[in-house]
PDB file of N, CA and C in Angstrom:
ATOM      1  N   UNK A   1      64.257 110.047  79.168  1.00  0.00           N
ATOM      2  CA  UNK A   1      63.328 110.773  79.987  1.00  0.00           C
ATOM      3  C   UNK A   1      63.460 112.254  79.645  1.00  0.00           C
ATOM      4  N   UNK A   2      62.352 112.920  79.353  1.00  0.00           N
ATOM      5  CA  UNK A   2      62.415 114.335  78.988  1.00  0.00           C
ATOM      6  C   UNK A   2      62.831 115.185  80.184  1.00  0.00           C
ATOM      7  N   UNK A   3      63.580 116.228  79.882  1.00  0.00           N
ATOM      8  CA  UNK A   3      64.071 117.144  80.907  1.00  0.00           C
ATOM      9  C   UNK A   3      62.921 118.041  81.377  1.00  0.00           C
ATOM     10  N   UNK A   4      62.723 118.123  82.711  1.00  0.00           N
ATOM     11  CA  UNK A   4      61.681 118.982  83.262  1.00  0.00           C
ATOM     12  C   UNK A   4      62.272 120.358  83.512  1.00  0.00           C
ATOM     13  N   UNK A   5      61.495 121.367  83.367  1.00  0.00           N
ATOM     14  CA  UNK A   5      61.999 122.704  83.660  1.00  0.00           C
ATOM     15  C   UNK A   5      62.429 122.806  85.123  1.00  0.00           C
ATOM     16  N   UNK A   6      63.465 123.594  85.374  1.00  0.00           N
ATOM     17  CA  UNK A   6      64.038 123.713  86.712  1.00  0.00           C
ATOM     18  C   UNK A   6      63.047 124.280  87.727  1.00  0.00           C
ATOM     19  N   UNK A   7      62.079 125.030  87.276  1.00  0.00           N
ATOM     20  CA  UNK A   7      61.130 125.634  88.207  1.00  0.00           C
ATOM     21  C   UNK A   7      59.891 124.763  88.426  1.00  0.00           C
ATOM     22  N   UNK A   8      59.877 123.579  87.885  1.00  0.00           N
ATOM     23  CA  UNK A   8      58.773 122.652  88.059  1.00  0.00           C
ATOM     24  C   UNK A   8      58.768 122.164  89.514  1.00  0.00           C
ATOM     25  N   UNK A   9      57.629 122.241  90.208  1.00  0.00           N
ATOM     26  CA  UNK A   9      57.567 121.810  91.612  1.00  0.00           C
ATOM     27  C   UNK A   9      57.980 120.344  91.798  1.00  0.00           C
ATOM     28  N   UNK A  10      57.648 119.505  90.827  1.00  0.00           N
ATOM     29  CA  UNK A  10      58.034 118.091  90.935  1.00  0.00           C
ATOM     30  C   UNK A  10      59.550 117.935  90.886  1.00  0.00           C
ATOM     31  N   UNK A  11      60.192 118.733  90.037  1.00  0.00           N
ATOM     32  CA  UNK A  11      61.649 118.692  89.931  1.00  0.00           C
ATOM     33  C   UNK A  11      62.275 119.164  91.237  1.00  0.00           C
ATOM     34  N   UNK A  12      61.735 120.224  91.790  1.00  0.00           N
ATOM     35  CA  UNK A  12      62.241 120.748  93.053  1.00  0.00           C
ATOM     36  C   UNK A  12      62.067 119.719  94.165  1.00  0.00           C
ATOM     37  N   UNK A  13      60.930 119.080  94.219  1.00  0.00           N
ATOM     38  CA  UNK A  13      60.671 118.063  95.236  1.00  0.00           C
ATOM     39  C   UNK A  13      61.640 116.892  95.081  1.00  0.00           C
ATOM     40  N   UNK A  14      61.879 116.483  93.842  1.00  0.00           N
ATOM     41  CA  UNK A  14      62.812 115.402  93.568  1.00  0.00           C
ATOM     42  C   UNK A  14      64.225 115.777  94.038  1.00  0.00           C
ATOM     43  N   UNK A  15      64.647 116.993  93.732  1.00  0.00           N
ATOM     44  CA  UNK A  15      65.976 117.441  94.145  1.00  0.00           C
ATOM     45  C   UNK A  15      66.083 117.508  95.663  1.00  0.00           C
ATOM     46  N   UNK A  16      65.043 117.957  96.331  1.00  0.00           N
ATOM     47  CA  UNK A  16      65.037 118.003  97.794  1.00  0.00           C
ATOM     48  C   UNK A  16      65.129 116.586  98.361  1.00  0.00           C
ATOM     49  N   UNK A  17      64.361 115.666  97.770  1.00  0.00           N
ATOM     50  CA  UNK A  17      64.417 114.267  98.211  1.00  0.00           C
ATOM     51  C   UNK A  17      65.818 113.690  98.018  1.00  0.00           C
ATOM     52  N   UNK A  18      66.462 114.037  96.912  1.00  0.00           N
ATOM     53  CA  UNK A  18      67.823 113.561  96.665  1.00  0.00           C
ATOM     54  C   UNK A  18      68.799 114.142  97.689  1.00  0.00           C
ATOM     55  N   UNK A  19      68.619 115.414  98.013  1.00  0.00           N
ATOM     56  CA  UNK A  19      69.478 116.048  99.026  1.00  0.00           C
ATOM     57  C   UNK A  19      69.282 115.417 100.396  1.00  0.00           C
ATOM     58  N   UNK A  20      68.033 115.117 100.728  1.00  0.00           N
ATOM     59  CA  UNK A  20      67.744 114.469 102.015  1.00  0.00           C
ATOM     60  C   UNK A  20      68.409 113.097 102.052  1.00  0.00           C
ATOM     61  N   UNK A  21      68.306 112.345 100.970  1.00  0.00           N
ATOM     62  CA  UNK A  21      68.930 111.022 100.902  1.00  0.00           C
ATOM     63  C   UNK A  21      70.452 111.140 101.015  1.00  0.00           C
ATOM     64  N   UNK A  22      71.026 112.124 100.354  1.00  0.00           N
ATOM     65  CA  UNK A  22      72.466 112.341 100.423  1.00  0.00           C
ATOM     66  C   UNK A  22      72.893 112.704 101.847  1.00  0.00           C
ATOM     67  N   UNK A  23      72.135 113.572 102.488  1.00  0.00           N
ATOM     68  CA  UNK A  23      72.444 113.952 103.876  1.00  0.00           C
ATOM     69  C   UNK A  23      72.395 112.741 104.791  1.00  0.00           C
ATOM     70  N   UNK A  24      71.403 111.893 104.622  1.00  0.00           N
ATOM     71  CA  UNK A  24      71.300 110.679 105.446  1.00  0.00           C
ATOM     72  C   UNK A  24      72.487 109.757 105.188  1.00  0.00           C
ATOM     73  N   UNK A  25      72.833 109.613 103.924  1.00  0.00           N
ATOM     74  CA  UNK A  25      73.964 108.760 103.557  1.00  0.00           C
ATOM     75  C   UNK A  25      75.259 109.298 104.155  1.00  0.00           C
ATOM     76  N   UNK A  26      75.473 110.603 104.054  1.00  0.00           N
ATOM     77  CA  UNK A  26      76.682 111.220 104.601  1.00  0.00           C
ATOM     78  C   UNK A  26      76.704 111.126 106.127  1.00  0.00           C
ATOM     79  N   UNK A  27      75.557 111.253 106.741  1.00  0.00           N
ATOM     80  CA  UNK A  27      75.469 111.138 108.193  1.00  0.00           C
ATOM     81  C   UNK A  27      75.828 109.724 108.636  1.00  0.00           C
ATOM     82  N   UNK A  28      75.330 108.735 107.918  1.00  0.00           N
ATOM     83  CA  UNK A  28      75.650 107.339 108.225  1.00  0.00           C
ATOM     84  C   UNK A  28      77.140 107.083 108.041  1.00  0.00           C
ATOM     85  N   UNK A  29      77.682 107.579 106.941  1.00  0.00           N
ATOM     86  CA  UNK A  29      79.113 107.409 106.678  1.00  0.00           C
ATOM     87  C   UNK A  29      79.945 108.102 107.752  1.00  0.00           C
ATOM     88  N   UNK A  30      79.542 109.296 108.153  1.00  0.00           N
ATOM     89  CA  UNK A  30      80.255 110.035 109.183  1.00  0.00           C
ATOM     90  C   UNK A  30      80.244 109.264 110.499  1.00  0.00           C
ATOM     91  N   UNK A  31      79.099 108.708 110.855  1.00  0.00           N
ATOM     92  CA  UNK A  31      78.994 107.930 112.090  1.00  0.00           C
ATOM     93  C   UNK A  31      79.924 106.719 112.036  1.00  0.00           C
ATOM     94  N   UNK A  32      79.955 106.049 110.886  1.00  0.00           N
ATOM     95  CA  UNK A  32      80.831 104.895 110.711  1.00  0.00           C
ATOM     96  C   UNK A  32      82.303 105.309 110.863  1.00  0.00           C
ATOM     97  N   UNK A  33      82.676 106.430 110.255  1.00  0.00           N
ATOM     98  CA  UNK A  33      84.051 106.911 110.344  1.00  0.00           C
ATOM     99  C   UNK A  33      84.422 107.302 111.776  1.00  0.00           C
ATOM    100  N   UNK A  34      83.488 107.898 112.493  1.00  0.00           N
ATOM    101  CA  UNK A  34      83.746 108.250 113.893  1.00  0.00           C
ATOM    102  C   UNK A  34      83.962 107.000 114.741  1.00  0.00           C
ATOM    103  N   UNK A  35      83.155 105.973 114.500  1.00  0.00           N
ATOM    104  CA  UNK A  35      83.310 104.716 115.226  1.00  0.00           C
ATOM    105  C   UNK A  35      84.649 104.064 114.879  1.00  0.00           C
ATOM    106  N   UNK A  36      85.011 104.110 113.606  1.00  0.00           N
ATOM    107  CA  UNK A  36      86.279 103.545 113.157  1.00  0.00           C
ATOM    108  C   UNK A  36      87.457 104.286 113.799  1.00  0.00           C
ATOM    109  N   UNK A  37      87.354 105.606 113.851  1.00  0.00           N
ATOM    110  CA  UNK A  37      88.407 106.407 114.480  1.00  0.00           C
ATOM    111  C   UNK A  37      88.539 106.041 115.955  1.00  0.00           C
ATOM    112  N   UNK A  38      87.409 105.855 116.619  1.00  0.00           N
ATOM    113  CA  UNK A  38      87.436 105.458 118.025  1.00  0.00           C
ATOM    114  C   UNK A  38      88.110 104.107 118.213  1.00  0.00           C
ATOM    115  N   UNK A  39      87.814 103.167 117.329  1.00  0.00           N
ATOM    116  CA  UNK A  39      88.434 101.840 117.406  1.00  0.00           C
ATOM    117  C   UNK A  39      89.939 101.950 117.179  1.00  0.00           C
ATOM    118  N   UNK A  40      90.351 102.755 116.228  1.00  0.00           N
ATOM    119  CA  UNK A  40      91.788 102.943 115.958  1.00  0.00           C
ATOM    120  C   UNK A  40      92.474 103.602 117.142  1.00  0.00           C
ATOM    121  N   UNK A  41      91.792 104.550 117.767  1.00  0.00           N
ATOM    122  CA  UNK A  41      92.366 105.224 118.933  1.00  0.00           C
ATOM    123  C   UNK A  41      92.569 104.220 120.063  1.00  0.00           C
ATOM    124  N   UNK A  42      91.546 103.369 120.312  1.00  0.00           N
ATOM    125  CA  UNK A  42      91.661 102.359 121.362  1.00  0.00           C
ATOM    126  C   UNK A  42      92.781 101.364 121.046  1.00  0.00           C
ATOM    127  N   UNK A  43      92.878 100.979 119.781  1.00  0.00           N
ATOM    128  CA  UNK A  43      93.950 100.065 119.382  1.00  0.00           C
ATOM    129  C   UNK A  43      95.315 100.722 119.592  1.00  0.00           C
ATOM    130  N   UNK A  44      95.427 101.987 119.244  1.00  0.00           N
ATOM    131  CA  UNK A  44      96.678 102.718 119.425  1.00  0.00           C
ATOM    132  C   UNK A  44      97.057 102.759 120.892  1.00  0.00           C
ATOM    133  N   UNK A  45      96.080 103.067 121.755  1.00  0.00           N
ATOM    134  CA  UNK A  45      96.350 103.112 123.193  1.00  0.00           C
ATOM    135  C   UNK A  45      96.825 101.751 123.692  1.00  0.00           C
ATOM    136  N   UNK A  46      96.181 100.695 123.215  1.00  0.00           N
ATOM    137  CA  UNK A  46      96.573  99.340 123.615  1.00  0.00           C
ATOM    138  C   UNK A  46      98.008  99.056 123.169  1.00  0.00           C
ATOM    139  N   UNK A  47      98.347  99.427 121.949  1.00  0.00           N
ATOM    140  CA  UNK A  47      99.706  99.200 121.443  1.00  0.00           C
ATOM    141  C   UNK A  47     100.739 100.004 122.220  1.00  0.00           C
ATOM    142  N   UNK A  48     100.400 101.214 122.593  1.00  0.00           N
ATOM    143  CA  UNK A  48     101.309 102.039 123.396  1.00  0.00           C
ATOM    144  C   UNK A  48     101.551 101.362 124.748  1.00  0.00           C
ATOM    145  N   UNK A  49     100.475 100.849 125.363  1.00  0.00           N
ATOM    146  CA  UNK A  49     100.618 100.154 126.642  1.00  0.00           C
ATOM    147  C   UNK A  49     101.479  98.902 126.491  1.00  0.00           C
ATOM    148  N   UNK A  50     101.219  98.132 125.433  1.00  0.00           N
ATOM    149  CA  UNK A  50     102.003  96.919 125.191  1.00  0.00           C
ATOM    150  C   UNK A  50     103.479  97.266 124.977  1.00  0.00           C
ATOM    151  N   UNK A  51     103.730  98.319 124.239  1.00  0.00           N
ATOM    152  CA  UNK A  51     105.099  98.768 123.982  1.00  0.00           C
ATOM    153  C   UNK A  51     105.798  99.129 125.290  1.00  0.00           C
ATOM    154  N   UNK A  52     105.091  99.805 126.165  1.00  0.00           N
ATOM    155  CA  UNK A  52     105.674 100.193 127.457  1.00  0.00           C
ATOM    156  C   UNK A  52     105.985  98.957 128.293  1.00  0.00           C
ATOM    157  N   UNK A  53     105.111  97.972 128.278  1.00  0.00           N
ATOM    158  CA  UNK A  53     105.342  96.725 129.011  1.00  0.00           C
ATOM    159  C   UNK A  53     106.604  96.044 128.494  1.00  0.00           C
ATOM    160  N   UNK A  54     106.732  95.970 127.179  1.00  0.00           N
ATOM    161  CA  UNK A  54     107.915  95.341 126.576  1.00  0.00           C
ATOM    162  C   UNK A  54     109.175  96.124 126.927  1.00  0.00           C
ATOM    163  N   UNK A  55     109.104  97.439 126.861  1.00  0.00           N
ATOM    164  CA  UNK A  55     110.268  98.262 127.229  1.00  0.00           C
ATOM    165  C   UNK A  55     110.698  97.977 128.664  1.00  0.00           C
ATOM    166  N   UNK A  56     109.726  97.884 129.567  1.00  0.00           N
ATOM    167  CA  UNK A  56     110.031  97.610 130.972  1.00  0.00           C
ATOM    168  C   UNK A  56     110.676  96.235 131.132  1.00  0.00           C
ATOM    169  N   UNK A  57     110.161  95.246 130.421  1.00  0.00           N
ATOM    170  CA  UNK A  57     110.730  93.895 130.501  1.00  0.00           C
ATOM    171  C   UNK A  57     112.154  93.871 129.969  1.00  0.00           C
ATOM    172  N   UNK A  58     112.382  94.539 128.847  1.00  0.00           N
ATOM    173  CA  UNK A  58     113.728  94.594 128.271  1.00  0.00           C
ATOM    174  C   UNK A  58     114.680  95.296 129.227  1.00  0.00           C
ATOM    175  N   UNK A  59     114.242  96.377 129.832  1.00  0.00           N
ATOM    176  CA  UNK A  59     115.077  97.092 130.802  1.00  0.00           C
ATOM    177  C   UNK A  59     115.422  96.195 131.977  1.00  0.00           C
ATOM    178  N   UNK A  60     114.458  95.435 132.458  1.00  0.00           N
ATOM    179  CA  UNK A  60     114.690  94.518 133.571  1.00  0.00           C
ATOM    180  C   UNK A  60     115.713  93.455 133.193  1.00  0.00           C
ATOM    181  N   UNK A  61     115.552  92.882 132.003  1.00  0.00           N
ATOM    182  CA  UNK A  61     116.486  91.856 131.537  1.00  0.00           C
ATOM    183  C   UNK A  61     117.880  92.446 131.394  1.00  0.00           C
ATOM    184  N   UNK A  62     117.990  93.609 130.814  1.00  0.00           N
ATOM    185  CA  UNK A  62     119.306  94.259 130.655  1.00  0.00           C
ATOM    186  C   UNK A  62     119.942  94.538 132.012  1.00  0.00           C
ATOM    187  N   UNK A  63     119.158  94.997 132.952  1.00  0.00           N
ATOM    188  CA  UNK A  63     119.682  95.275 134.291  1.00  0.00           C
ATOM    189  C   UNK A  63     120.190  93.987 134.931  1.00  0.00           C
ATOM    190  N   UNK A  64     119.438  92.906 134.776  1.00  0.00           N
ATOM    191  CA  UNK A  64     119.869  91.621 135.338  1.00  0.00           C
ATOM    192  C   UNK A  64     121.158  91.149 134.670  1.00  0.00           C
ATOM    193  N   UNK A  65     121.256  91.298 133.363  1.00  0.00           N
ATOM    194  CA  UNK A  65     122.462  90.887 132.642  1.00  0.00           C
ATOM    195  C   UNK A  65     123.658  91.714 133.091  1.00  0.00           C
ATOM    196  N   UNK A  66     123.462  93.008 133.265  1.00  0.00           N
ATOM    197  CA  UNK A  66     124.556  93.874 133.717  1.00  0.00           C
ATOM    198  C   UNK A  66     124.978  93.496 135.133  1.00  0.00           C
ATOM    199  N   UNK A  67     124.011  93.169 135.968  1.00  0.00           N
ATOM    200  CA  UNK A  67     124.320  92.780 137.344  1.00  0.00           C
ATOM    201  C   UNK A  67     125.109  91.470 137.343  1.00  0.00           C
ATOM    202  N   UNK A  68     124.694  90.536 136.499  1.00  0.00           N
ATOM    203  CA  UNK A  68     125.407  89.248 136.394  1.00  0.00           C
ATOM    204  C   UNK A  68     126.824  89.470 135.892  1.00  0.00           C
ATOM    205  N   UNK A  69     126.959  90.363 134.934  1.00  0.00           N
ATOM    206  CA  UNK A  69     128.281  90.653 134.349  1.00  0.00           C
ATOM    207  C   UNK A  69     129.211  91.260 135.397  1.00  0.00           C
ATOM    208  N   UNK A  70     128.691  92.163 136.228  1.00  0.00           N
ATOM    209  CA  UNK A  70     129.493  92.806 137.262  1.00  0.00           C
ATOM    210  C   UNK A  70     129.887  91.829 138.370  1.00  0.00           C
ATOM    211  N   UNK A  71     129.009  90.877 138.651  1.00  0.00           N
ATOM    212  CA  UNK A  71     129.293  89.935 139.735  1.00  0.00           C
ATOM    213  C   UNK A  71     130.224  88.817 139.303  1.00  0.00           C
ATOM    214  N   UNK A  72     130.480  88.701 138.022  1.00  0.00           N
ATOM    215  CA  UNK A  72     131.379  87.635 137.532  1.00  0.00           C
ATOM    216  C   UNK A  72     132.823  87.980 137.717  1.00  0.00           C
TER     217      UNK A  72
END
């Protein structure tokens, strides 16, 4: 394909169309990444809560074991 001069209106229009397409693509990708980040944040919060539950259960078990040990 022959190279069009940079000042050709058709070339300028083509470049603008390419920029618009790129902006749309980047916007879509950005939205996807934001949604993914939100999902990771929610998963992290869930894991933190689960970790706290497990810590509490372990503490309870340890306390019961210590109480049993003292009463023996």
